[in-house]
Amino acid sequence: MERGRFGDVVVGAAGDVAGSVVDPKAGLGRLRSVVTARGLVTLTAGALLGYFAARSIRRS
């Protein structure tokens, strides 16, 4: 991803979050249209890996 495009994505995401606070129903609809099964699996796997990594570091 280009560096200039990353800023646009961040600003767009912040706008979507702000819009979701004002109109939660429209925000959830927009979120459902963006989230794919592959993205959800990737996010879940990343969260689990982060959890286990933090847990192992904390026990050390």
PDB file of N, CA and C in Angstrom:
ATOM      1  N   MET A   1       0.846  -1.172   0.000  1.00  0.00           N
ATOM      2  CA  MET A   1       0.000   0.000   0.000  1.00  0.00           C
ATOM      3  C   MET A   1       0.891   1.234   0.000  1.00  0.00           C
ATOM      4  N   GLU A   2       0.521   2.183  -0.808  1.00  0.00           N
ATOM      5  CA  GLU A   2       1.297   3.417  -0.862  1.00  0.00           C
ATOM      6  C   GLU A   2       1.136   4.200   0.431  1.00  0.00           C
ATOM      7  N   ARG A   3       2.150   4.959   0.741  1.00  0.00           N
ATOM      8  CA  ARG A   3       2.131   5.707   2.004  1.00  0.00           C
ATOM      9  C   ARG A   3       1.035   6.769   2.022  1.00  0.00           C
ATOM     10  N   GLY A   4       0.814   7.460   0.916  1.00  0.00           N
ATOM     11  CA  GLY A   4      -0.239   8.479   0.846  1.00  0.00           C
ATOM     12  C   GLY A   4      -1.626   7.872   0.938  1.00  0.00           C
ATOM     13  N   ARG A   5      -1.785   6.710   0.373  1.00  0.00           N
ATOM     14  CA  ARG A   5      -3.074   6.015   0.413  1.00  0.00           C
ATOM     15  C   ARG A   5      -3.398   5.540   1.831  1.00  0.00           C
ATOM     16  N   PHE A   6      -2.385   5.196   2.608  1.00  0.00           N
ATOM     17  CA  PHE A   6      -2.605   4.734   3.985  1.00  0.00           C
ATOM     18  C   PHE A   6      -3.279   5.832   4.809  1.00  0.00           C
ATOM     19  N   GLY A   7      -2.848   7.072   4.644  1.00  0.00           N
ATOM     20  CA  GLY A   7      -3.463   8.188   5.361  1.00  0.00           C
ATOM     21  C   GLY A   7      -4.929   8.344   5.009  1.00  0.00           C
ATOM     22  N   ASP A   8      -5.251   8.152   3.715  1.00  0.00           N
ATOM     23  CA  ASP A   8      -6.651   8.235   3.293  1.00  0.00           C
ATOM     24  C   ASP A   8      -7.490   7.140   3.935  1.00  0.00           C
ATOM     25  N   VAL A   9      -6.914   5.956   4.033  1.00  0.00           N
ATOM     26  CA  VAL A   9      -7.640   4.841   4.645  1.00  0.00           C
ATOM     27  C   VAL A   9      -7.892   5.107   6.123  1.00  0.00           C
ATOM     28  N   VAL A  10      -6.883   5.638   6.817  1.00  0.00           N
ATOM     29  CA  VAL A  10      -7.026   5.929   8.248  1.00  0.00           C
ATOM     30  C   VAL A  10      -8.089   6.994   8.478  1.00  0.00           C
ATOM     31  N   VAL A  11      -8.059   8.043   7.672  1.00  0.00           N
ATOM     32  CA  VAL A  11      -9.049   9.115   7.822  1.00  0.00           C
ATOM     33  C   VAL A  11     -10.446   8.595   7.496  1.00  0.00           C
ATOM     34  N   GLY A  12     -10.554   7.760   6.484  1.00  0.00           N
ATOM     35  CA  GLY A  12     -11.851   7.175   6.140  1.00  0.00           C
ATOM     36  C   GLY A  12     -12.387   6.291   7.250  1.00  0.00           C
ATOM     37  N   ALA A  13     -11.501   5.498   7.850  1.00  0.00           N
ATOM     38  CA  ALA A  13     -11.922   4.628   8.954  1.00  0.00           C
ATOM     39  C   ALA A  13     -12.368   5.452  10.152  1.00  0.00           C
ATOM     40  N   ALA A  14     -11.650   6.523  10.448  1.00  0.00           N
ATOM     41  CA  ALA A  14     -12.041   7.390  11.567  1.00  0.00           C
ATOM     42  C   ALA A  14     -13.401   8.024  11.297  1.00  0.00           C
ATOM     43  N   GLY A  15     -13.648   8.408  10.077  1.00  0.00           N
ATOM     44  CA  GLY A  15     -14.950   8.967   9.713  1.00  0.00           C
ATOM     45  C   GLY A  15     -16.061   7.941   9.841  1.00  0.00           C
ATOM     46  N   ASP A  16     -15.773   6.706   9.450  1.00  0.00           N
ATOM     47  CA  ASP A  16     -16.775   5.647   9.585  1.00  0.00           C
ATOM     48  C   ASP A  16     -17.101   5.370  11.048  1.00  0.00           C
ATOM     49  N   VAL A  17     -16.087   5.398  11.902  1.00  0.00           N
ATOM     50  CA  VAL A  17     -16.318   5.178  13.337  1.00  0.00           C
ATOM     51  C   VAL A  17     -17.167   6.314  13.903  1.00  0.00           C
ATOM     52  N   ALA A  18     -16.844   7.549  13.534  1.00  0.00           N
ATOM     53  CA  ALA A  18     -17.630   8.687  14.021  1.00  0.00           C
ATOM     54  C   ALA A  18     -19.071   8.614  13.523  1.00  0.00           C
ATOM     55  N   GLY A  19     -19.246   8.210  12.274  1.00  0.00           N
ATOM     56  CA  GLY A  19     -20.595   8.055  11.728  1.00  0.00           C
ATOM     57  C   GLY A  19     -21.369   6.944  12.416  1.00  0.00           C
ATOM     58  N   SER A  20     -20.665   5.894  12.818  1.00  0.00           N
ATOM     59  CA  SER A  20     -21.313   4.782  13.507  1.00  0.00           C
ATOM     60  C   SER A  20     -21.818   5.189  14.885  1.00  0.00           C
ATOM     61  N   VAL A  21     -21.136   6.129  15.514  1.00  0.00           N
ATOM     62  CA  VAL A  21     -21.585   6.620  16.817  1.00  0.00           C
ATOM     63  C   VAL A  21     -22.891   7.398  16.653  1.00  0.00           C
ATOM     64  N   VAL A  22     -22.962   8.176  15.580  1.00  0.00           N
ATOM     65  CA  VAL A  22     -24.160   8.988  15.338  1.00  0.00           C
ATOM     66  C   VAL A  22     -25.325   8.119  14.871  1.00  0.00           C
ATOM     67  N   ASP A  23     -25.058   7.183  13.947  1.00  0.00           N
ATOM     68  CA  ASP A  23     -26.104   6.318  13.396  1.00  0.00           C
ATOM     69  C   ASP A  23     -25.632   4.867  13.428  1.00  0.00           C
ATOM     70  N   PRO A  24     -25.823   4.169  14.554  1.00  0.00           N
ATOM     71  CA  PRO A  24     -25.300   2.805  14.700  1.00  0.00           C
ATOM     72  C   PRO A  24     -25.843   1.817  13.663  1.00  0.00           C
ATOM     73  N   LYS A  25     -27.098   1.960  13.261  1.00  0.00           N
ATOM     74  CA  LYS A  25     -27.685   1.018  12.306  1.00  0.00           C
ATOM     75  C   LYS A  25     -26.972   1.104  10.956  1.00  0.00           C
ATOM     76  N   ALA A  26     -26.718   2.294  10.479  1.00  0.00           N
ATOM     77  CA  ALA A  26     -26.010   2.465   9.213  1.00  0.00           C
ATOM     78  C   ALA A  26     -24.556   2.026   9.342  1.00  0.00           C
ATOM     79  N   GLY A  27     -23.949   2.272  10.492  1.00  0.00           N
ATOM     80  CA  GLY A  27     -22.564   1.867  10.714  1.00  0.00           C
ATOM     81  C   GLY A  27     -22.405   0.362  10.697  1.00  0.00           C
ATOM     82  N   LEU A  28     -23.332  -0.366  11.312  1.00  0.00           N
ATOM     83  CA  LEU A  28     -23.278  -1.829  11.297  1.00  0.00           C
ATOM     84  C   LEU A  28     -23.499  -2.385   9.893  1.00  0.00           C
ATOM     85  N   GLY A  29     -24.370  -1.751   9.146  1.00  0.00           N
ATOM     86  CA  GLY A  29     -24.591  -2.177   7.755  1.00  0.00           C
ATOM     87  C   GLY A  29     -23.343  -1.982   6.914  1.00  0.00           C
ATOM     88  N   ARG A  30     -22.659  -0.880   7.109  1.00  0.00           N
ATOM     89  CA  ARG A  30     -21.418  -0.606   6.381  1.00  0.00           C
ATOM     90  C   ARG A  30     -20.333  -1.592   6.791  1.00  0.00           C
ATOM     91  N   LEU A  31     -20.277  -1.914   8.072  1.00  0.00           N
ATOM     92  CA  LEU A  31     -19.291  -2.875   8.565  1.00  0.00           C
ATOM     93  C   LEU A  31     -19.541  -4.264   7.988  1.00  0.00           C
ATOM     94  N   ARG A  32     -20.788  -4.683   7.939  1.00  0.00           N
ATOM     95  CA  ARG A  32     -21.118  -5.993   7.379  1.00  0.00           C
ATOM     96  C   ARG A  32     -20.750  -6.088   5.908  1.00  0.00           C
ATOM     97  N   SER A  33     -20.870  -5.000   5.174  1.00  0.00           N
ATOM     98  CA  SER A  33     -20.540  -5.036   3.752  1.00  0.00           C
ATOM     99  C   SER A  33     -19.038  -5.093   3.517  1.00  0.00           C
ATOM    100  N   VAL A  34     -18.247  -4.643   4.467  1.00  0.00           N
ATOM    101  CA  VAL A  34     -16.796  -4.608   4.302  1.00  0.00           C
ATOM    102  C   VAL A  34     -16.139  -5.890   4.794  1.00  0.00           C
ATOM    103  N   VAL A  35     -16.640  -6.453   5.871  1.00  0.00           N
ATOM    104  CA  VAL A  35     -16.024  -7.622   6.491  1.00  0.00           C
ATOM    105  C   VAL A  35     -16.307  -8.866   5.649  1.00  0.00           C
ATOM    106  N   THR A  36     -15.243  -9.601   5.336  1.00  0.00           N
ATOM    107  CA  THR A  36     -15.381 -10.864   4.611  1.00  0.00           C
ATOM    108  C   THR A  36     -15.037 -12.005   5.559  1.00  0.00           C
ATOM    109  N   ALA A  37     -15.357 -13.211   5.147  1.00  0.00           N
ATOM    110  CA  ALA A  37     -15.040 -14.380   5.979  1.00  0.00           C
ATOM    111  C   ALA A  37     -13.528 -14.508   6.161  1.00  0.00           C
ATOM    112  N   ARG A  38     -12.775 -14.272   5.099  1.00  0.00           N
ATOM    113  CA  ARG A  38     -11.318 -14.370   5.188  1.00  0.00           C
ATOM    114  C   ARG A  38     -10.757 -13.321   6.151  1.00  0.00           C
ATOM    115  N   GLY A  39     -11.279 -12.122   6.089  1.00  0.00           N
ATOM    116  CA  GLY A  39     -10.823 -11.068   6.994  1.00  0.00           C
ATOM    117  C   GLY A  39     -11.156 -11.381   8.447  1.00  0.00           C
ATOM    118  N   LEU A  40     -12.311 -11.947   8.667  1.00  0.00           N
ATOM    119  CA  LEU A  40     -12.722 -12.306  10.026  1.00  0.00           C
ATOM    120  C   LEU A  40     -11.843 -13.415  10.592  1.00  0.00           C
ATOM    121  N   VAL A  41     -11.521 -14.412   9.760  1.00  0.00           N
ATOM    122  CA  VAL A  41     -10.650 -15.490  10.206  1.00  0.00           C
ATOM    123  C   VAL A  41      -9.251 -14.950  10.498  1.00  0.00           C
ATOM    124  N   THR A  42      -8.756 -14.078   9.642  1.00  0.00           N
ATOM    125  CA  THR A  42      -7.431 -13.478   9.839  1.00  0.00           C
ATOM    126  C   THR A  42      -7.392 -12.662  11.125  1.00  0.00           C
ATOM    127  N   LEU A  43      -8.412 -11.872  11.364  1.00  0.00           N
ATOM    128  CA  LEU A  43      -8.480 -11.055  12.575  1.00  0.00           C
ATOM    129  C   LEU A  43      -8.535 -11.930  13.826  1.00  0.00           C
ATOM    130  N   THR A  44      -9.329 -12.986  13.785  1.00  0.00           N
ATOM    131  CA  THR A  44      -9.442 -13.889  14.922  1.00  0.00           C
ATOM    132  C   THR A  44      -8.119 -14.609  15.201  1.00  0.00           C
ATOM    133  N   ALA A  45      -7.469 -15.079  14.129  1.00  0.00           N
ATOM    134  CA  ALA A  45      -6.184 -15.761  14.294  1.00  0.00           C
ATOM    135  C   ALA A  45      -5.134 -14.811  14.867  1.00  0.00           C
ATOM    136  N   GLY A  46      -5.118 -13.572  14.392  1.00  0.00           N
ATOM    137  CA  GLY A  46      -4.170 -12.591  14.912  1.00  0.00           C
ATOM    138  C   GLY A  46      -4.424 -12.275  16.378  1.00  0.00           C
ATOM    139  N   ALA A  47      -5.685 -12.172  16.743  1.00  0.00           N
ATOM    140  CA  ALA A  47      -6.014 -11.896  18.144  1.00  0.00           C
ATOM    141  C   ALA A  47      -5.595 -13.055  19.047  1.00  0.00           C
ATOM    142  N   LEU A  48      -5.819 -14.277  18.597  1.00  0.00           N
ATOM    143  CA  LEU A  48      -5.412 -15.442  19.388  1.00  0.00           C
ATOM    144  C   LEU A  48      -3.892 -15.523  19.513  1.00  0.00           C
ATOM    145  N   LEU A  49      -3.187 -15.307  18.423  1.00  0.00           N
ATOM    146  CA  LEU A  49      -1.721 -15.334  18.480  1.00  0.00           C
ATOM    147  C   LEU A  49      -1.187 -14.252  19.416  1.00  0.00           C
ATOM    148  N   GLY A  50      -1.767 -13.068  19.350  1.00  0.00           N
ATOM    149  CA  GLY A  50      -1.362 -11.993  20.252  1.00  0.00           C
ATOM    150  C   GLY A  50      -1.634 -12.327  21.703  1.00  0.00           C
ATOM    151  N   TYR A  51      -2.772 -12.940  21.958  1.00  0.00           N
ATOM    152  CA  TYR A  51      -3.122 -13.335  23.323  1.00  0.00           C
ATOM    153  C   TYR A  51      -2.119 -14.338  23.882  1.00  0.00           C
ATOM    154  N   PHE A  52      -1.839 -15.381  23.091  1.00  0.00           N
ATOM    155  CA  PHE A  52      -0.908 -16.399  23.564  1.00  0.00           C
ATOM    156  C   PHE A  52       0.519 -15.866  23.693  1.00  0.00           C
ATOM    157  N   ALA A  53       0.925 -14.974  22.808  1.00  0.00           N
ATOM    158  CA  ALA A  53       2.258 -14.381  22.906  1.00  0.00           C
ATOM    159  C   ALA A  53       2.361 -13.529  24.174  1.00  0.00           C
ATOM    160  N   ALA A  54       1.349 -12.730  24.444  1.00  0.00           N
ATOM    161  CA  ALA A  54       1.371 -11.881  25.647  1.00  0.00           C
ATOM    162  C   ALA A  54       1.321 -12.743  26.908  1.00  0.00           C
ATOM    163  N   ARG A  55       0.580 -13.809  26.846  1.00  0.00           N
ATOM    164  CA  ARG A  55       0.464 -14.696  28.011  1.00  0.00           C
ATOM    165  C   ARG A  55       1.812 -15.372  28.312  1.00  0.00           C
ATOM    166  N   SER A  56       2.511 -15.812  27.262  1.00  0.00           N
ATOM    167  CA  SER A  56       3.791 -16.473  27.485  1.00  0.00           C
ATOM    168  C   SER A  56       4.841 -15.488  27.971  1.00  0.00           C
ATOM    169  N   ILE A  57       4.799 -14.253  27.492  1.00  0.00           N
ATOM    170  CA  ILE A  57       5.747 -13.229  27.959  1.00  0.00           C
ATOM    171  C   ILE A  57       5.479 -12.876  29.411  1.00  0.00           C
ATOM    172  N   ARG A  58       4.210 -12.810  29.788  1.00  0.00           N
ATOM    173  CA  ARG A  58       3.859 -12.453  31.161  1.00  0.00           C
ATOM    174  C   ARG A  58       4.288 -13.519  32.155  1.00  0.00           C
ATOM    175  N   ARG A  59       4.240 -14.779  31.756  1.00  0.00           N
ATOM    176  CA  ARG A  59       4.622 -15.867  32.648  1.00  0.00           C
ATOM    177  C   ARG A  59       6.133 -15.969  32.830  1.00  0.00           C
ATOM    178  N   SER A  60       6.889 -15.415  31.908  1.00  0.00           N
ATOM    179  CA  SER A  60       8.352 -15.510  31.985  1.00  0.00           C
ATOM    180  C   SER A  60       8.933 -14.699  33.122  1.00  0.00           C
TER     181      SER A  60
END
